[in-house]
Protein backbone atom coordinates (compact mmCIF):
# COMPACT_ATOMS: atom_id res chain seq x y z
CA MET A 1 39.19 18.58 16.29
CA TYR A 2 38.24 16.26 19.16
CA ASP A 3 34.70 15.48 20.27
CA LEU A 4 34.29 16.11 24.00
CA GLY A 5 31.78 13.32 24.56
CA GLU A 6 33.64 10.69 22.55
CA GLU A 7 37.35 11.11 21.76
CA LEU A 8 38.34 13.23 24.76
CA ASP A 9 36.20 11.24 27.19
CA SER A 10 37.69 7.97 25.89
CA SER A 11 41.21 9.36 26.17
CA TYR A 12 40.67 10.43 29.76
CA ARG A 13 39.18 7.04 30.65
CA VAL A 14 42.40 5.40 29.48
CA LEU A 15 44.70 8.01 30.99
CA PHE A 16 43.05 8.06 34.43
CA ARG A 17 42.00 4.41 34.66
CA GLY A 18 42.04 3.29 38.28
CA ILE A 19 42.92 6.79 39.54
CA GLU A 20 40.62 8.55 41.99
CA ARG A 21 40.65 12.34 42.11
CA GLU A 22 41.49 12.26 45.83
CA SER A 23 44.67 10.29 45.15
CA ILE A 24 46.10 13.13 43.06
CA GLU A 25 44.80 15.96 45.21
CA ALA A 26 48.18 17.72 45.14
CA VAL A 27 48.21 17.81 41.35
CA THR A 28 46.85 20.94 39.69
CA LEU A 29 44.56 19.84 36.87
CA THR A 30 43.16 21.89 34.04
CA PRO A 31 39.51 22.99 34.38
CA ILE A 32 38.43 20.58 31.63
CA VAL A 33 40.04 17.62 33.43
CA GLU A 34 38.48 18.69 36.73
CA SER A 35 35.08 18.77 35.01
CA TRP A 36 35.69 15.26 33.67
CA PHE A 37 36.40 13.87 37.16
CA GLU A 38 33.28 15.58 38.47
CA LYS A 39 31.28 14.13 35.59
CA GLN A 40 32.58 10.63 36.35
CA ASP A 41 31.38 10.84 39.94
CA LEU A 42 27.95 12.06 38.84
CA ALA A 43 27.61 9.39 36.17
CA GLU A 44 28.52 6.63 38.61
CA THR A 45 26.01 7.91 41.16
CA ARG A 46 23.26 7.96 38.51
CA THR A 47 23.83 4.34 37.55
CA LEU A 48 22.99 3.35 41.11
CA LEU A 49 19.42 4.68 40.75
CA PRO A 50 16.40 2.92 39.20
CA ASN A 51 16.05 3.97 35.56
CA VAL A 52 12.29 3.40 35.13
CA PRO A 53 9.21 4.60 37.04
CA LEU A 54 9.04 2.47 40.18
CA HIS A 55 5.65 0.94 39.39
CA GLN A 56 7.09 -0.37 36.10
CA ILE A 57 9.87 -2.39 37.74
CA ASN A 58 9.25 -6.07 37.06
CA ALA A 59 6.77 -7.79 39.35
CA GLU A 60 6.45 -11.12 37.51
CA PRO A 61 8.71 -13.89 38.91
CA MET A 62 8.49 -15.97 35.72
CA LYS A 63 9.13 -14.86 32.13
CA ASN A 64 9.33 -17.19 29.15
CA GLY A 65 9.41 -20.14 31.49
CA LYS A 66 12.39 -18.80 33.45
CA SER A 67 12.68 -17.43 36.97
CA VAL A 68 13.56 -13.71 37.04
CA ASP A 69 14.07 -11.12 39.75
CA THR A 70 11.25 -8.82 40.79
CA PHE A 71 11.17 -5.57 42.74
CA ARG A 72 11.24 -7.70 45.91
CA GLU A 73 14.55 -9.35 45.02
CA PHE A 74 16.00 -6.04 43.82
CA ALA A 75 15.15 -4.41 47.16
CA LYS A 76 16.88 -7.22 49.07
CA GLN A 77 19.90 -7.12 46.74
CA TRP A 78 20.29 -3.38 47.27
CA LYS A 79 20.03 -3.81 51.03
CA ASP A 80 22.75 -6.47 50.89
CA ARG A 81 24.90 -4.28 48.67
CA LEU A 82 24.91 -1.49 51.25
CA LEU A 83 26.64 -3.82 53.73
CA ILE A 84 29.63 -4.51 51.46
CA THR A 85 32.78 -2.49 52.21
CA GLU A 86 35.49 -4.27 50.22
CA PRO A 87 35.88 -2.87 46.65
CA GLN A 88 36.61 -6.25 45.08
CA GLU A 89 33.67 -7.88 46.80
CA LEU A 90 31.44 -4.98 45.68
CA ALA A 91 32.61 -5.31 42.08
CA GLN A 92 31.81 -9.04 42.13
CA PHE A 93 28.41 -8.40 43.68
CA ASP A 94 27.57 -5.92 40.90
CA ARG A 95 28.58 -8.49 38.28
CA ASP A 96 26.36 -11.10 39.93
CA HIS A 97 23.44 -8.70 40.43
CA PRO A 98 23.58 -6.13 37.60
CA ASN A 99 20.06 -4.85 38.32
CA ALA A 100 20.33 -4.44 42.07
CA HIS A 101 20.07 -0.66 41.58
CA GLN A 102 16.39 -1.17 40.68
CA GLY A 103 15.86 -1.78 44.39
CA ASN A 104 17.44 1.52 45.46
CA PHE A 105 14.09 2.97 46.52
CA PRO A 106 13.48 6.34 48.13
CA MET A 107 11.80 5.60 51.48
CA PRO A 108 12.56 1.86 51.07
CA ARG A 109 10.01 0.38 53.46
CA ARG A 110 7.14 2.62 52.36
CA THR A 111 7.95 2.17 48.68
CA LEU A 112 8.12 -1.61 48.99
CA GLU A 113 4.75 -1.68 50.78
CA LEU A 114 3.19 0.49 48.07
CA LEU A 115 4.57 -1.70 45.29
CA GLU A 116 3.20 -4.82 46.98
CA GLU A 117 -0.21 -3.17 47.30
CA PHE A 118 -0.10 -1.86 43.73
CA HIS A 119 0.75 -5.18 42.09
CA ALA A 120 -1.88 -7.02 44.14
CA ALA A 121 -4.59 -4.58 43.04
CA THR A 122 -7.00 -4.75 40.10
CA PRO A 123 -6.23 -2.58 37.04
CA GLU A 124 -8.96 -0.17 38.14
CA ALA A 125 -7.48 0.14 41.64
CA GLN A 126 -3.98 0.53 40.17
CA ALA A 127 -5.16 3.45 38.05
CA GLU A 128 -6.68 5.06 41.14
CA MET A 129 -3.43 4.62 43.08
CA LEU A 130 -1.40 6.25 40.31
CA ALA A 131 -3.81 9.18 40.19
CA GLY A 132 -4.01 9.52 43.97
CA PRO A 133 -1.64 10.74 46.71
CA ASP A 134 0.58 7.65 46.39
CA GLY A 135 1.10 8.32 42.68
CA ASP A 136 4.13 10.52 43.26
CA VAL A 137 5.98 7.62 44.87
CA LEU A 138 4.81 4.95 42.43
CA LYS A 139 5.55 7.07 39.35
CA ALA A 140 8.90 8.33 40.64
CA ASP A 141 11.70 7.83 38.11
CA PRO A 142 14.77 8.40 40.31
CA ARG A 143 17.44 8.54 37.62
CA ASN A 144 15.59 11.10 35.54
CA ASP A 145 14.04 12.92 38.50
CA THR A 146 17.40 13.66 40.12
CA LEU A 147 18.77 14.93 36.82
CA ARG A 148 15.76 17.17 36.29
CA SER A 149 16.03 18.57 39.82
CA SER A 150 19.70 19.57 39.45
CA ALA A 151 20.36 21.87 36.51
CA LYS A 152 24.07 22.00 37.34
CA ASP A 153 24.47 18.21 37.21
CA ASN A 154 22.32 18.03 34.09
CA ALA A 155 24.49 20.62 32.32
CA LEU A 156 27.76 18.90 33.21
CA LEU A 157 26.59 15.44 32.14
CA ALA A 158 25.20 16.87 28.90
CA LEU A 159 28.51 18.60 28.23
CA TRP A 160 30.20 15.20 28.20
CA GLY A 161 27.44 13.59 26.14
CA GLU A 162 26.02 11.47 28.98
CA ALA A 163 22.57 13.04 29.33
CA PRO A 164 20.12 15.19 27.39
CA ILE A 165 19.48 18.77 28.49
CA LEU A 166 16.14 18.70 30.31
CA THR A 167 15.42 22.25 31.46
CA GLN A 168 15.98 25.85 30.43
CA GLU A 169 18.16 26.41 33.51
CA ALA A 170 20.35 23.45 32.55
CA TYR A 171 20.55 24.78 28.99
CA ASP A 172 21.77 28.16 30.25
CA LEU A 173 24.37 26.52 32.50
CA PHE A 174 25.46 24.28 29.61
CA VAL A 175 26.12 27.34 27.43
CA GLY A 176 28.00 28.90 30.35
CA LEU A 177 30.22 25.83 30.71
CA ILE A 178 31.11 25.96 27.02
CA GLU A 179 32.27 29.55 27.47
CA THR A 180 34.01 28.99 30.82
CA LEU A 181 35.93 25.93 29.65
CA ASP A 182 36.60 27.54 26.26
CA ILE A 183 35.21 24.58 24.30
CA PRO A 184 35.09 25.03 20.50
CA ASP A 185 31.70 24.52 18.84
CA ALA A 186 33.04 21.54 16.91
CA ALA A 187 33.93 19.77 20.15
CA VAL A 188 30.46 20.07 21.69
CA PRO A 189 28.79 16.62 21.78
CA ARG A 190 26.41 16.09 18.89
CA GLN A 191 22.74 16.75 19.64
CA SER A 192 23.50 18.58 22.87
CA LEU A 193 22.39 22.04 21.76
CA PRO A 194 19.07 22.13 19.90
CA PRO A 195 18.46 24.85 17.30
CA ALA A 196 17.95 28.25 18.92
CA GLY A 197 14.32 28.42 17.80
CA SER A 198 13.55 24.91 19.05
CA VAL A 199 14.77 25.01 22.64
CA GLU A 200 11.23 24.97 24.05
CA THR A 201 10.28 22.10 21.73
CA HIS A 202 13.31 20.17 22.96
CA PHE A 203 12.37 20.46 26.63
CA LYS A 204 8.76 19.51 25.96
CA TYR A 205 9.78 16.49 23.92
CA GLU A 206 12.32 15.34 26.52
CA ASP A 207 9.55 15.56 29.11
CA PHE A 208 7.41 13.25 26.95
CA VAL A 209 10.40 10.88 26.66
CA SER A 210 10.96 10.83 30.42
CA ARG A 211 7.27 9.91 30.92
CA ARG A 212 7.42 7.26 28.15
CA GLU A 213 4.82 9.24 26.19
CA HIS A 214 6.91 10.19 23.14
CA SER A 215 4.85 8.00 20.82
CA GLY A 216 1.61 9.71 21.83
CA ALA A 217 -0.36 12.25 19.79
CA GLU A 218 0.86 15.20 21.87
CA ALA A 219 4.52 14.42 21.26
CA GLN A 220 3.96 13.62 17.59
CA LEU A 221 2.06 16.89 17.08
CA LEU A 222 4.93 18.77 18.71
CA LEU A 223 7.40 17.20 16.27
CA ALA A 224 5.14 17.78 13.27
CA GLN A 225 5.01 21.49 14.11
CA ASP A 226 8.80 21.93 14.36
CA GLU A 227 10.57 20.58 11.29
CA GLU A 228 13.93 22.10 12.24
CA TYR A 229 13.97 20.33 15.59
CA ARG A 230 12.77 17.08 14.08
CA LYS A 231 15.64 17.07 11.58
CA TRP A 232 18.19 18.07 14.23
CA ALA A 233 17.06 15.27 16.56
CA GLY A 234 16.92 12.73 13.72
CA LEU A 235 13.28 11.93 14.44
CA SER A 236 10.77 10.85 11.82
CA LEU A 237 7.50 12.54 11.01
CA SER A 238 4.36 10.73 12.11
CA ASP A 239 2.24 9.17 9.36
CA THR A 240 -0.79 10.79 11.00
CA PRO A 241 -1.53 14.23 9.45
CA ILE A 242 -1.48 17.26 11.74
CA PRO A 243 -5.30 17.86 11.70
CA ALA A 244 -5.83 14.31 12.99
CA LEU A 245 -3.18 14.74 15.69
CA GLU A 246 -4.86 17.98 16.78
CA LEU A 247 -8.19 16.19 17.19
CA LEU A 248 -6.56 13.34 19.11
CA VAL A 249 -4.94 15.84 21.47
CA GLU A 250 -8.20 17.79 21.82
CA ASP A 251 -10.05 14.66 22.96
CA ARG A 252 -7.22 13.24 25.10
CA ASP A 253 -9.32 13.09 28.30
CA LEU A 254 -12.04 11.06 26.59
CA TYR A 255 -9.55 8.65 25.04
CA ASP A 256 -7.99 8.20 28.48
CA GLN A 257 -11.42 7.45 29.95
CA GLU A 258 -12.04 4.88 27.21
CA GLN A 259 -8.67 3.21 27.84
CA PHE A 260 -9.34 3.15 31.57
CA LEU A 261 -12.63 1.30 30.93
CA LYS A 262 -10.85 -1.16 28.63
CA ASP A 263 -8.17 -1.82 31.23
CA SER A 264 -10.42 -2.12 34.26
CA LEU A 265 -13.73 -3.71 33.18
CA LEU A 266 -14.74 -7.19 32.08
CA SER A 267 -15.43 -7.59 28.35
CA ILE A 268 -19.13 -8.35 27.79
CA THR A 269 -20.07 -8.26 24.12
CA ASP A 270 -23.58 -9.72 24.31
CA ARG A 271 -25.99 -6.81 24.46
CA ASP A 272 -28.69 -9.09 25.88
CA ASP A 273 -26.52 -10.01 28.86
CA PRO A 274 -27.98 -8.29 31.97
CA HIS A 275 -24.44 -7.30 32.96
CA TYR A 276 -23.71 -5.66 29.58
CA PRO A 277 -24.40 -2.06 30.79
CA ASN A 278 -21.71 -2.41 33.46
CA GLY A 279 -19.21 -4.23 31.27
CA GLN A 280 -16.45 -2.76 29.14
CA GLN A 281 -18.44 -2.44 25.91
CA GLY A 282 -21.58 -1.15 27.63
CA ARG A 283 -19.76 1.54 29.59
CA ILE A 284 -17.82 2.67 26.50
CA ALA A 285 -21.06 2.81 24.47
CA ALA A 286 -22.62 4.96 27.19
CA LEU A 287 -19.57 7.24 27.24
CA LYS A 288 -19.73 7.73 23.47
CA GLY A 289 -23.48 8.24 23.61
CA ALA A 290 -22.90 11.16 25.94
CA GLU A 291 -20.11 12.63 23.77
CA PRO A 292 -21.39 12.95 20.16
CA LEU A 293 -18.71 15.48 19.22
CA TRP A 294 -16.01 13.00 20.25
CA VAL A 295 -17.60 10.29 18.12
CA ALA A 296 -17.72 12.71 15.18
CA ASN A 297 -14.06 13.60 15.75
CA GLU A 298 -13.12 9.90 15.80
CA ARG A 299 -14.63 9.61 12.34
CA ARG A 300 -12.84 12.76 11.23
CA VAL A 301 -9.57 11.23 12.41
CA GLU A 302 -10.35 8.01 10.54
CA ALA A 303 -10.98 9.95 7.32
CA ILE A 304 -8.01 12.31 7.71
CA ARG A 305 -5.65 9.38 8.33
CA GLN A 306 -6.44 8.03 4.86
CA GLY A 307 -4.72 11.06 3.36
CA THR A 308 -1.10 12.13 3.43
CA PHE A 309 0.75 15.39 4.03
CA LEU A 310 1.07 15.84 0.26
CA GLU A 311 -2.43 14.61 -0.61
CA PRO A 312 -4.67 15.26 2.39
CA THR A 313 -8.25 14.06 2.61
CA THR A 314 -10.51 16.92 1.53
CA ASP A 315 -12.73 18.67 4.08
CA GLU A 316 -15.75 17.66 2.02
CA ILE A 317 -14.90 13.96 2.30
CA VAL A 318 -14.08 14.28 6.01
CA GLU A 319 -17.43 15.83 6.88
CA SER A 320 -19.30 13.48 4.54
CA TRP A 321 -17.68 10.55 6.34
CA VAL A 322 -18.97 11.96 9.64
CA ALA A 323 -22.47 12.21 8.13
CA ARG A 324 -22.21 8.58 6.95
CA GLY A 325 -21.45 7.53 10.50
CA LEU A 326 -24.48 9.35 11.88
CA LYS A 327 -26.73 7.66 9.30
CA ALA A 328 -25.24 4.25 10.18
CA ASP A 329 -25.77 4.91 13.90
CA GLU A 330 -29.41 5.80 13.28
CA PHE A 331 -30.46 3.08 10.83
CA GLY A 332 -27.65 0.50 10.72
CA ALA A 333 -24.61 0.13 8.46
CA VAL A 334 -26.39 -2.19 5.96
CA SER A 335 -29.89 -0.74 6.17
CA PRO A 336 -31.92 0.45 3.13
CA GLU A 337 -31.56 4.01 4.45
CA MET A 338 -27.79 3.62 4.40
CA LYS A 339 -27.92 2.36 0.81
CA VAL A 340 -30.00 5.37 -0.24
CA TRP A 341 -27.49 7.67 1.44
CA PHE A 342 -24.63 6.04 -0.46
CA VAL A 343 -26.47 6.45 -3.78
CA ASP A 344 -26.88 10.15 -3.02
CA ASN A 345 -23.22 10.43 -1.95
CA MET A 346 -21.41 8.30 -4.51
CA THR A 347 -18.11 10.20 -4.15
CA THR A 348 -17.92 9.28 -0.46
CA TYR A 349 -18.99 5.71 -1.23
CA GLN A 350 -16.25 5.24 -3.82
CA TRP A 351 -13.67 6.91 -1.56
CA GLY A 352 -14.56 4.56 1.33
CA ILE A 353 -14.16 1.52 -0.91
CA GLU A 354 -10.84 2.75 -2.33
CA HIS A 355 -9.44 3.11 1.19
CA GLY A 356 -10.78 -0.21 2.45
CA LEU A 357 -13.21 1.34 4.95
CA ILE A 358 -16.30 -0.24 3.38
CA THR A 359 -16.98 -2.91 0.75
CA ASP A 360 -19.21 -2.75 -2.36
CA GLU A 361 -21.67 -5.29 -1.06
CA GLY A 362 -24.58 -5.70 -3.46
CA GLY A 363 -22.72 -4.19 -6.41
CA LEU A 364 -23.71 -0.51 -6.29
CA LEU A 365 -20.73 0.44 -8.42
CA ASP A 366 -21.81 -2.11 -11.02
CA GLY A 367 -25.40 -0.85 -11.01
CA ASP A 368 -26.76 -4.02 -9.43
CA TRP A 369 -28.75 -2.33 -6.68
CA ASN A 370 -32.53 -2.16 -7.25
CA MET A 371 -32.83 1.50 -6.29
CA PRO A 372 -36.59 1.91 -6.83
CA ALA A 373 -37.16 -0.94 -4.41
CA VAL A 374 -34.55 0.41 -1.96
CA ARG A 375 -36.09 3.90 -1.96
């Protein structure tokens, strides 16, 4: 049995090499061959679109000591490409400028102006631009966006193994094509049809992939909660246990705020510096001071991550680790009060040492602490 996306596609590429559909218009082709020609046209059109969000197209003219093209050069290359009419000249141009498609901007002049403004801005201003009205242009991902907006094209390309199925509508059309073209199950490209109970998971995960967020807590939690899909897609399970992923997702907005401060503010570590309150560390400290539940959840995540799916960190240890953090915040991590707390919570103390979170400074485990004096 042939595989539609591999053997049959390869055979047709050889059989119809150099032949345009229009040149054999008088020939009656089978529906499957017609679909192949249509797929070829779609695939070629897609390769002429940028394949990353526009604001991520290279803006640095030098890399590793070598001159490289930026979005400016790509835009000019694409403009020049549009003027070429001779097929051989066009083929040579594409060999000389293989990334010219990265300059195929929607609204070319406006997009180029926005990219110039974006890359000249500070990290803080860049974040504001992405979140503002210009964000839709800057974050546009033409190759994926056009596929997501056309369920029919998405279904056809997926049928031939050249794109993932991105929406429920495309999934339904994909199933319809299998029936219409009378394609046996064994010939359907591998990993085209997710398990019936995991269709929603598939679309959500593909959305994370299209936004380059598939390594984030949200995507990893999605995979952890759907073992069947994870196995079908050949994806690995995150080392982070589900309870920790849930807390990371719950506090996503606060983590994003923290990252924004890290990306946009100057690092000032000296607390005595008059500018410390407005620096990166000062602003983050203020944010955490206003969000005690988030700080507690960070410590819960730290404790939960020490466990595994088979041997999770116990709830008692998790909450005790949160209490340890509160005591350290109040009196200091090496204060006498902290030492007394450790003596009264030896299980947590030993657990922290075993997992490399604290060290046995002073020899408590060896009985070297002078507890009457400490108390």
